Amino acid sequence: MAKLSKAKRGKNRWIGITVSNPSITRSEMSSLLESGLQGISWKLFDFYEHGNQKLAIIRTKLEDASKARKIINSIEGLSTTTTSGKIRLVRERLTRL
């Protein structure tokens, strides 16, 4: 059986998030997102400290991206900074903050 062509595969959106709580851990961040993003397909890829702030990158499906951004921005202490179809671009944009 042949692979699906790139155009026929599911599309993803990578969302860059800044976290205002400097003491939050990766597991706490994952739990926070899990409670907020119920019913949306997502995965936490990067969670790291850059300078004096914590940054995270999650992957969502293209059709869920705008809903996910609204929910993330409504969670206290989290704000979306950038989105892209390529994780490399989100990483570059977050490190320039």
PDB file of N, CA and C in Angstrom:
ATOM      1  N   MET A   1       0.847  -1.180   0.000  1.00  0.00           N
ATOM      2  CA  MET A   1       0.000   0.000   0.000  1.00  0.00           C
ATOM      3  C   MET A   1       0.894   1.245   0.000  1.00  0.00           C
ATOM      4  N   ALA A   2       0.603   2.171  -0.859  1.00  0.00           N
ATOM      5  CA  ALA A   2       1.400   3.390  -0.999  1.00  0.00           C
ATOM      6  C   ALA A   2       1.104   4.372   0.131  1.00  0.00           C
ATOM      7  N   LYS A   3       2.116   5.193   0.458  1.00  0.00           N
ATOM      8  CA  LYS A   3       1.939   6.248   1.460  1.00  0.00           C
ATOM      9  C   LYS A   3       1.023   7.328   0.911  1.00  0.00           C
ATOM     10  N   LEU A   4       0.373   8.035   1.818  1.00  0.00           N
ATOM     11  CA  LEU A   4      -0.404   9.203   1.419  1.00  0.00           C
ATOM     12  C   LEU A   4       0.547  10.309   0.995  1.00  0.00           C
ATOM     13  N   SER A   5       0.174  11.036  -0.034  1.00  0.00           N
ATOM     14  CA  SER A   5       1.006  12.163  -0.433  1.00  0.00           C
ATOM     15  C   SER A   5       0.939  13.248   0.641  1.00  0.00           C
ATOM     16  N   LYS A   6       1.895  14.126   0.625  1.00  0.00           N
ATOM     17  CA  LYS A   6       1.963  15.187   1.631  1.00  0.00           C
ATOM     18  C   LYS A   6       0.693  16.033   1.635  1.00  0.00           C
ATOM     19  N   ALA A   7       0.145  16.288   0.463  1.00  0.00           N
ATOM     20  CA  ALA A   7      -1.051  17.127   0.366  1.00  0.00           C
ATOM     21  C   ALA A   7      -2.279  16.460   0.986  1.00  0.00           C
ATOM     22  N   LYS A   8      -2.299  15.131   1.027  1.00  0.00           N
ATOM     23  CA  LYS A   8      -3.470  14.416   1.542  1.00  0.00           C
ATOM     24  C   LYS A   8      -3.372  14.077   3.029  1.00  0.00           C
ATOM     25  N   ARG A   9      -2.197  14.289   3.619  1.00  0.00           N
ATOM     26  CA  ARG A   9      -2.052  14.025   5.052  1.00  0.00           C
ATOM     27  C   ARG A   9      -2.716  15.136   5.857  1.00  0.00           C
ATOM     28  N   GLY A  10      -2.969  14.860   7.129  1.00  0.00           N
ATOM     29  CA  GLY A  10      -3.563  15.865   8.004  1.00  0.00           C
ATOM     30  C   GLY A  10      -2.635  17.040   8.215  1.00  0.00           C
ATOM     31  N   LYS A  11      -3.204  18.215   8.314  1.00  0.00           N
ATOM     32  CA  LYS A  11      -2.416  19.433   8.509  1.00  0.00           C
ATOM     33  C   LYS A  11      -2.349  19.778   9.996  1.00  0.00           C
ATOM     34  N   ASN A  12      -1.182  20.266  10.410  1.00  0.00           N
ATOM     35  CA  ASN A  12      -0.971  20.639  11.807  1.00  0.00           C
ATOM     36  C   ASN A  12      -0.704  22.127  11.926  1.00  0.00           C
ATOM     37  N   ARG A  13      -0.935  22.658  13.102  1.00  0.00           N
ATOM     38  CA  ARG A  13      -0.540  24.011  13.459  1.00  0.00           C
ATOM     39  C   ARG A  13       0.267  23.906  14.737  1.00  0.00           C
ATOM     40  N   TRP A  14       1.381  24.602  14.756  1.00  0.00           N
ATOM     41  CA  TRP A  14       2.228  24.681  15.934  1.00  0.00           C
ATOM     42  C   TRP A  14       1.942  26.016  16.608  1.00  0.00           C
ATOM     43  N   ILE A  15       1.691  25.970  17.909  1.00  0.00           N
ATOM     44  CA  ILE A  15       1.329  27.169  18.656  1.00  0.00           C
ATOM     45  C   ILE A  15       2.393  27.429  19.720  1.00  0.00           C
ATOM     46  N   GLY A  16       2.988  28.629  19.674  1.00  0.00           N
ATOM     47  CA  GLY A  16       3.968  29.042  20.671  1.00  0.00           C
ATOM     48  C   GLY A  16       3.271  29.745  21.821  1.00  0.00           C
ATOM     49  N   ILE A  17       3.620  29.359  23.036  1.00  0.00           N
ATOM     50  CA  ILE A  17       2.950  29.862  24.238  1.00  0.00           C
ATOM     51  C   ILE A  17       3.986  30.432  25.200  1.00  0.00           C
ATOM     52  N   THR A  18       3.703  31.609  25.759  1.00  0.00           N
ATOM     53  CA  THR A  18       4.525  32.146  26.842  1.00  0.00           C
ATOM     54  C   THR A  18       3.788  31.914  28.152  1.00  0.00           C
ATOM     55  N   VAL A  19       4.554  31.540  29.164  1.00  0.00           N
ATOM     56  CA  VAL A  19       3.998  31.205  30.477  1.00  0.00           C
ATOM     57  C   VAL A  19       4.503  32.222  31.483  1.00  0.00           C
ATOM     58  N   SER A  20       3.589  32.865  32.202  1.00  0.00           N
ATOM     59  CA  SER A  20       4.006  33.913  33.135  1.00  0.00           C
ATOM     60  C   SER A  20       4.488  33.361  34.479  1.00  0.00           C
ATOM     61  N   ASN A  21       4.125  32.127  34.814  1.00  0.00           N
ATOM     62  CA  ASN A  21       4.538  31.518  36.080  1.00  0.00           C
ATOM     63  C   ASN A  21       5.908  30.859  35.893  1.00  0.00           C
ATOM     64  N   PRO A  22       6.988  31.437  36.458  1.00  0.00           N
ATOM     65  CA  PRO A  22       8.327  30.882  36.233  1.00  0.00           C
ATOM     66  C   PRO A  22       8.598  29.574  36.973  1.00  0.00           C
ATOM     67  N   SER A  23       7.741  29.201  37.911  1.00  0.00           N
ATOM     68  CA  SER A  23       7.996  27.982  38.692  1.00  0.00           C
ATOM     69  C   SER A  23       7.183  26.779  38.201  1.00  0.00           C
ATOM     70  N   ILE A  24       6.450  26.918  37.119  1.00  0.00           N
ATOM     71  CA  ILE A  24       5.629  25.822  36.618  1.00  0.00           C
ATOM     72  C   ILE A  24       6.521  24.743  35.978  1.00  0.00           C
ATOM     73  N   THR A  25       6.150  23.483  36.184  1.00  0.00           N
ATOM     74  CA  THR A  25       6.898  22.376  35.603  1.00  0.00           C
ATOM     75  C   THR A  25       6.200  21.882  34.337  1.00  0.00           C
ATOM     76  N   ARG A  26       6.884  21.025  33.593  1.00  0.00           N
ATOM     77  CA  ARG A  26       6.310  20.475  32.364  1.00  0.00           C
ATOM     78  C   ARG A  26       5.041  19.681  32.659  1.00  0.00           C
ATOM     79  N   SER A  27       5.052  18.887  33.710  1.00  0.00           N
ATOM     80  CA  SER A  27       3.867  18.087  34.041  1.00  0.00           C
ATOM     81  C   SER A  27       2.697  18.972  34.477  1.00  0.00           C
ATOM     82  N   GLU A  28       2.983  20.048  35.201  1.00  0.00           N
ATOM     83  CA  GLU A  28       1.923  20.980  35.586  1.00  0.00           C
ATOM     84  C   GLU A  28       1.351  21.689  34.362  1.00  0.00           C
ATOM     85  N   MET A  29       2.231  22.047  33.434  1.00  0.00           N
ATOM     86  CA  MET A  29       1.790  22.685  32.196  1.00  0.00           C
ATOM     87  C   MET A  29       0.908  21.747  31.394  1.00  0.00           C
ATOM     88  N   SER A  30       1.317  20.489  31.304  1.00  0.00           N
ATOM     89  CA  SER A  30       0.547  19.496  30.572  1.00  0.00           C
ATOM     90  C   SER A  30      -0.830  19.307  31.201  1.00  0.00           C
ATOM     91  N   SER A  31      -0.889  19.268  32.518  1.00  0.00           N
ATOM     92  CA  SER A  31      -2.170  19.119  33.227  1.00  0.00           C
ATOM     93  C   SER A  31      -3.069  20.331  32.995  1.00  0.00           C
ATOM     94  N   LEU A  32      -2.474  21.513  33.009  1.00  0.00           N
ATOM     95  CA  LEU A  32      -3.224  22.746  32.778  1.00  0.00           C
ATOM     96  C   LEU A  32      -3.836  22.759  31.383  1.00  0.00           C
ATOM     97  N   LEU A  33      -3.053  22.382  30.403  1.00  0.00           N
ATOM     98  CA  LEU A  33      -3.552  22.329  29.024  1.00  0.00           C
ATOM     99  C   LEU A  33      -4.599  21.223  28.850  1.00  0.00           C
ATOM    100  N   GLU A  34      -4.361  20.094  29.493  1.00  0.00           N
ATOM    101  CA  GLU A  34      -5.294  18.976  29.379  1.00  0.00           C
ATOM    102  C   GLU A  34      -6.677  19.345  29.897  1.00  0.00           C
ATOM    103  N   SER A  35      -6.725  20.068  31.003  1.00  0.00           N
ATOM    104  CA  SER A  35      -8.024  20.459  31.549  1.00  0.00           C
ATOM    105  C   SER A  35      -8.714  21.508  30.681  1.00  0.00           C
ATOM    106  N   GLY A  36      -7.936  22.360  30.024  1.00  0.00           N
ATOM    107  CA  GLY A  36      -8.525  23.409  29.199  1.00  0.00           C
ATOM    108  C   GLY A  36      -8.874  22.974  27.791  1.00  0.00           C
ATOM    109  N   LEU A  37      -8.048  22.112  27.211  1.00  0.00           N
ATOM    110  CA  LEU A  37      -8.212  21.739  25.804  1.00  0.00           C
ATOM    111  C   LEU A  37      -8.930  20.402  25.614  1.00  0.00           C
ATOM    112  N   GLN A  38      -9.921  20.156  26.435  1.00  0.00           N
ATOM    113  CA  GLN A  38     -10.690  18.916  26.305  1.00  0.00           C
ATOM    114  C   GLN A  38     -11.437  18.905  24.984  1.00  0.00           C
ATOM    115  N   GLY A  39     -11.368  17.783  24.280  1.00  0.00           N
ATOM    116  CA  GLY A  39     -12.052  17.654  23.008  1.00  0.00           C
ATOM    117  C   GLY A  39     -11.240  18.139  21.820  1.00  0.00           C
ATOM    118  N   ILE A  40     -10.029  18.646  22.082  1.00  0.00           N
ATOM    119  CA  ILE A  40      -9.144  19.109  21.014  1.00  0.00           C
ATOM    120  C   ILE A  40      -7.911  18.218  21.002  1.00  0.00           C
ATOM    121  N   SER A  41      -7.522  17.791  19.822  1.00  0.00           N
ATOM    122  CA  SER A  41      -6.329  16.971  19.674  1.00  0.00           C
ATOM    123  C   SER A  41      -5.094  17.864  19.772  1.00  0.00           C
ATOM    124  N   TRP A  42      -4.192  17.601  20.730  1.00  0.00           N
ATOM    125  CA  TRP A  42      -3.001  18.417  20.914  1.00  0.00           C
ATOM    126  C   TRP A  42      -1.895  17.578  21.539  1.00  0.00           C
ATOM    127  N   LYS A  43      -0.661  18.066  21.438  1.00  0.00           N
ATOM    128  CA  LYS A  43       0.476  17.419  22.082  1.00  0.00           C
ATOM    129  C   LYS A  43       1.504  18.490  22.439  1.00  0.00           C
ATOM    130  N   LEU A  44       2.006  18.429  23.657  1.00  0.00           N
ATOM    131  CA  LEU A  44       3.039  19.358  24.118  1.00  0.00           C
ATOM    132  C   LEU A  44       4.397  18.861  23.622  1.00  0.00           C
ATOM    133  N   PHE A  45       5.068  19.657  22.798  1.00  0.00           N
ATOM    134  CA  PHE A  45       6.359  19.258  22.256  1.00  0.00           C
ATOM    135  C   PHE A  45       7.514  19.870  23.026  1.00  0.00           C
ATOM    136  N   ASP A  46       7.593  21.181  23.084  1.00  0.00           N
ATOM    137  CA  ASP A  46       8.704  21.850  23.752  1.00  0.00           C
ATOM    138  C   ASP A  46       8.197  22.559  24.998  1.00  0.00           C
ATOM    139  N   PHE A  47       9.007  22.526  26.043  1.00  0.00           N
ATOM    140  CA  PHE A  47       8.739  23.300  27.247  1.00  0.00           C
ATOM    141  C   PHE A  47      10.095  23.627  27.843  1.00  0.00           C
ATOM    142  N   TYR A  48      10.466  24.897  27.781  1.00  0.00           N
ATOM    143  CA  TYR A  48      11.796  25.281  28.228  1.00  0.00           C
ATOM    144  C   TYR A  48      11.802  26.712  28.735  1.00  0.00           C
ATOM    145  N   GLU A  49      12.927  27.053  29.378  1.00  0.00           N
ATOM    146  CA  GLU A  49      13.100  28.407  29.896  1.00  0.00           C
ATOM    147  C   GLU A  49      14.038  29.154  28.954  1.00  0.00           C
ATOM    148  N   HIS A  50      13.641  30.367  28.595  1.00  0.00           N
ATOM    149  CA  HIS A  50      14.461  31.219  27.744  1.00  0.00           C
ATOM    150  C   HIS A  50      14.537  32.581  28.418  1.00  0.00           C
ATOM    151  N   GLY A  51      15.713  32.917  28.884  1.00  0.00           N
ATOM    152  CA  GLY A  51      15.854  34.157  29.641  1.00  0.00           C
ATOM    153  C   GLY A  51      15.157  33.999  30.984  1.00  0.00           C
ATOM    154  N   ASN A  52      14.203  34.867  31.260  1.00  0.00           N
ATOM    155  CA  ASN A  52      13.483  34.791  32.534  1.00  0.00           C
ATOM    156  C   ASN A  52      12.040  34.332  32.351  1.00  0.00           C
ATOM    157  N   GLN A  53      11.716  33.739  31.206  1.00  0.00           N
ATOM    158  CA  GLN A  53      10.345  33.272  30.999  1.00  0.00           C
ATOM    159  C   GLN A  53      10.316  31.837  30.484  1.00  0.00           C
ATOM    160  N   LYS A  54       9.216  31.170  30.717  1.00  0.00           N
ATOM    161  CA  LYS A  54       9.014  29.806  30.234  1.00  0.00           C
ATOM    162  C   LYS A  54       8.251  29.868  28.922  1.00  0.00           C
ATOM    163  N   LEU A  55       8.640  28.995  28.002  1.00  0.00           N
ATOM    164  CA  LEU A  55       8.016  28.932  26.685  1.00  0.00           C
ATOM    165  C   LEU A  55       7.588  27.500  26.401  1.00  0.00           C
ATOM    166  N   ALA A  56       6.511  27.351  25.646  1.00  0.00           N
ATOM    167  CA  ALA A  56       6.016  26.031  25.290  1.00  0.00           C
ATOM    168  C   ALA A  56       5.561  26.043  23.839  1.00  0.00           C
ATOM    169  N   ILE A  57       5.610  24.873  23.219  1.00  0.00           N
ATOM    170  CA  ILE A  57       5.103  24.706  21.860  1.00  0.00           C
ATOM    171  C   ILE A  57       4.220  23.472  21.844  1.00  0.00           C
ATOM    172  N   ILE A  58       2.994  23.650  21.341  1.00  0.00           N
ATOM    173  CA  ILE A  58       2.096  22.516  21.199  1.00  0.00           C
ATOM    174  C   ILE A  58       1.715  22.348  19.734  1.00  0.00           C
ATOM    175  N   ARG A  59       1.316  21.118  19.393  1.00  0.00           N
ATOM    176  CA  ARG A  59       0.832  20.818  18.047  1.00  0.00           C
ATOM    177  C   ARG A  59      -0.663  20.537  18.133  1.00  0.00           C
ATOM    178  N   THR A  60      -1.423  21.139  17.242  1.00  0.00           N
ATOM    179  CA  THR A  60      -2.850  20.860  17.133  1.00  0.00           C
ATOM    180  C   THR A  60      -3.180  20.602  15.671  1.00  0.00           C
ATOM    181  N   LYS A  61      -4.349  20.081  15.440  1.00  0.00           N
ATOM    182  CA  LYS A  61      -4.809  19.932  14.065  1.00  0.00           C
ATOM    183  C   LYS A  61      -5.195  21.312  13.542  1.00  0.00           C
ATOM    184  N   LEU A  62      -5.068  21.496  12.244  1.00  0.00           N
ATOM    185  CA  LEU A  62      -5.367  22.783  11.623  1.00  0.00           C
ATOM    186  C   LEU A  62      -6.778  23.254  11.948  1.00  0.00           C
ATOM    187  N   GLU A  63      -7.736  22.350  11.886  1.00  0.00           N
ATOM    188  CA  GLU A  63      -9.129  22.746  12.122  1.00  0.00           C
ATOM    189  C   GLU A  63      -9.418  23.102  13.582  1.00  0.00           C
ATOM    190  N   ASP A  64      -8.540  22.683  14.521  1.00  0.00           N
ATOM    191  CA  ASP A  64      -8.727  22.992  15.940  1.00  0.00           C
ATOM    192  C   ASP A  64      -7.894  24.182  16.407  1.00  0.00           C
ATOM    193  N   ALA A  65      -7.045  24.722  15.547  1.00  0.00           N
ATOM    194  CA  ALA A  65      -6.049  25.711  15.968  1.00  0.00           C
ATOM    195  C   ALA A  65      -6.657  26.991  16.521  1.00  0.00           C
ATOM    196  N   SER A  66      -7.640  27.562  15.851  1.00  0.00           N
ATOM    197  CA  SER A  66      -8.187  28.838  16.334  1.00  0.00           C
ATOM    198  C   SER A  66      -8.940  28.654  17.656  1.00  0.00           C
ATOM    199  N   LYS A  67      -9.644  27.553  17.794  1.00  0.00           N
ATOM    200  CA  LYS A  67     -10.346  27.262  19.050  1.00  0.00           C
ATOM    201  C   LYS A  67      -9.332  27.058  20.182  1.00  0.00           C
ATOM    202  N   ALA A  68      -8.248  26.344  19.883  1.00  0.00           N
ATOM    203  CA  ALA A  68      -7.213  26.095  20.890  1.00  0.00           C
ATOM    204  C   ALA A  68      -6.563  27.406  21.337  1.00  0.00           C
ATOM    205  N   ARG A  69      -6.290  28.304  20.400  1.00  0.00           N
ATOM    206  CA  ARG A  69      -5.687  29.600  20.750  1.00  0.00           C
ATOM    207  C   ARG A  69      -6.599  30.403  21.670  1.00  0.00           C
ATOM    208  N   LYS A  70      -7.891  30.429  21.373  1.00  0.00           N
ATOM    209  CA  LYS A  70      -8.835  31.160  22.227  1.00  0.00           C
ATOM    210  C   LYS A  70      -8.853  30.587  23.636  1.00  0.00           C
ATOM    211  N   ILE A  71      -8.860  29.267  23.740  1.00  0.00           N
ATOM    212  CA  ILE A  71      -8.898  28.620  25.053  1.00  0.00           C
ATOM    213  C   ILE A  71      -7.611  28.893  25.825  1.00  0.00           C
ATOM    214  N   ILE A  72      -6.463  28.760  25.154  1.00  0.00           N
ATOM    215  CA  ILE A  72      -5.176  28.983  25.823  1.00  0.00           C
ATOM    216  C   ILE A  72      -5.080  30.417  26.328  1.00  0.00           C
ATOM    217  N   ASN A  73      -5.510  31.378  25.514  1.00  0.00           N
ATOM    218  CA  ASN A  73      -5.467  32.776  25.941  1.00  0.00           C
ATOM    219  C   ASN A  73      -6.422  33.067  27.094  1.00  0.00           C
ATOM    220  N   SER A  74      -7.439  32.242  27.269  1.00  0.00           N
ATOM    221  CA  SER A  74      -8.366  32.451  28.382  1.00  0.00           C
ATOM    222  C   SER A  74      -7.859  31.835  29.688  1.00  0.00           C
ATOM    223  N   ILE A  75      -6.846  30.990  29.623  1.00  0.00           N
ATOM    224  CA  ILE A  75      -6.262  30.388  30.825  1.00  0.00           C
ATOM    225  C   ILE A  75      -5.308  31.399  31.455  1.00  0.00           C
ATOM    226  N   GLU A  76      -5.487  31.646  32.737  1.00  0.00           N
ATOM    227  CA  GLU A  76      -4.665  32.626  33.435  1.00  0.00           C
ATOM    228  C   GLU A  76      -3.198  32.206  33.441  1.00  0.00           C
ATOM    229  N   GLY A  77      -2.324  33.127  33.065  1.00  0.00           N
ATOM    230  CA  GLY A  77      -0.893  32.869  33.065  1.00  0.00           C
ATOM    231  C   GLY A  77      -0.344  32.354  31.751  1.00  0.00           C
ATOM    232  N   LEU A  78      -1.215  32.079  30.769  1.00  0.00           N
ATOM    233  CA  LEU A  78      -0.771  31.592  29.464  1.00  0.00           C
ATOM    234  C   LEU A  78      -1.202  32.570  28.382  1.00  0.00           C
ATOM    235  N   SER A  79      -0.343  32.742  27.386  1.00  0.00           N
ATOM    236  CA  SER A  79      -0.741  33.538  26.222  1.00  0.00           C
ATOM    237  C   SER A  79      -0.040  32.989  24.985  1.00  0.00           C
ATOM    238  N   THR A  80      -0.781  32.913  23.903  1.00  0.00           N
ATOM    239  CA  THR A  80      -0.193  32.443  22.659  1.00  0.00           C
ATOM    240  C   THR A  80       0.579  33.598  22.030  1.00  0.00           C
ATOM    241  N   THR A  81       1.733  33.276  21.490  1.00  0.00           N
ATOM    242  CA  THR A  81       2.603  34.293  20.917  1.00  0.00           C
ATOM    243  C   THR A  81       2.648  34.190  19.406  1.00  0.00           C
ATOM    244  N   THR A  82       2.721  32.969  18.896  1.00  0.00           N
ATOM    245  CA  THR A  82       2.867  32.772  17.458  1.00  0.00           C
ATOM    246  C   THR A  82       2.295  31.426  17.059  1.00  0.00           C
ATOM    247  N   THR A  83       1.926  31.302  15.795  1.00  0.00           N
ATOM    248  CA  THR A  83       1.496  30.017  15.239  1.00  0.00           C
ATOM    249  C   THR A  83       2.089  29.877  13.851  1.00  0.00           C
ATOM    250  N   SER A  84       2.260  28.625  13.441  1.00  0.00           N
ATOM    251  CA  SER A  84       2.782  28.358  12.110  1.00  0.00           C
ATOM    252  C   SER A  84       2.503  26.907  11.756  1.00  0.00           C
ATOM    253  N   GLY A  85       2.649  26.602  10.502  1.00  0.00           N
ATOM    254  CA  GLY A  85       2.551  25.228  10.043  1.00  0.00           C
ATOM    255  C   GLY A  85       3.871  24.491  10.192  1.00  0.00           C
ATOM    256  N   LYS A  86       4.925  25.207  10.598  1.00  0.00           N
ATOM    257  CA  LYS A  86       6.255  24.613  10.753  1.00  0.00           C
ATOM    258  C   LYS A  86       6.795  24.904  12.149  1.00  0.00           C
ATOM    259  N   ILE A  87       7.189  23.850  12.859  1.00  0.00           N
ATOM    260  CA  ILE A  87       7.694  24.005  14.222  1.00  0.00           C
ATOM    261  C   ILE A  87       8.986  24.822  14.235  1.00  0.00           C
ATOM    262  N   ARG A  88       9.800  24.704  13.205  1.00  0.00           N
ATOM    263  CA  ARG A  88      11.049  25.451  13.137  1.00  0.00           C
ATOM    264  C   ARG A  88      10.800  26.952  13.224  1.00  0.00           C
ATOM    265  N   LEU A  89       9.771  27.434  12.528  1.00  0.00           N
ATOM    266  CA  LEU A  89       9.461  28.860  12.546  1.00  0.00           C
ATOM    267  C   LEU A  89       8.973  29.311  13.917  1.00  0.00           C
ATOM    268  N   VAL A  90       8.186  28.484  14.585  1.00  0.00           N
ATOM    269  CA  VAL A  90       7.697  28.833  15.923  1.00  0.00           C
ATOM    270  C   VAL A  90       8.870  28.901  16.893  1.00  0.00           C
ATOM    271  N   ARG A  91       9.788  27.937  16.820  1.00  0.00           N
ATOM    272  CA  ARG A  91      10.971  27.957  17.690  1.00  0.00           C
ATOM    273  C   ARG A  91      11.793  29.227  17.463  1.00  0.00           C
ATOM    274  N   GLU A  92      12.016  29.590  16.215  1.00  0.00           N
ATOM    275  CA  GLU A  92      12.786  30.798  15.913  1.00  0.00           C
ATOM    276  C   GLU A  92      12.097  32.044  16.464  1.00  0.00           C
ATOM    277  N   ARG A  93      10.809  32.143  16.266  1.00  0.00           N
ATOM    278  CA  ARG A  93      10.066  33.324  16.720  1.00  0.00           C
ATOM    279  C   ARG A  93      10.058  33.431  18.244  1.00  0.00           C
ATOM    280  N   LEU A  94       9.916  32.314  18.934  1.00  0.00           N
ATOM    281  CA  LEU A  94       9.887  32.345  20.400  1.00  0.00           C
ATOM    282  C   LEU A  94      11.249  32.752  20.967  1.00  0.00           C
ATOM    283  N   THR A  95      12.316  32.302  20.377  1.00  0.00           N
ATOM    284  CA  THR A  95      13.634  32.653  20.927  1.00  0.00           C
ATOM    285  C   THR A  95      14.009  34.095  20.632  1.00  0.00           C
ATOM    286  N   ARG A  96      13.334  34.746  19.679  1.00  0.00           N
ATOM    287  CA  ARG A  96      13.584  36.157  19.409  1.00  0.00           C
ATOM    288  C   ARG A  96      12.849  37.075  20.376  1.00  0.00           C
ATOM    289  N   LEU A  97      11.983  36.548  21.221  1.00  0.00           N
ATOM    290  CA  LEU A  97      11.217  37.394  22.149  1.00  0.00           C
ATOM    291  C   LEU A  97      12.106  38.027  23.192  1.00  0.00           C
TER     292      LEU A  97
END
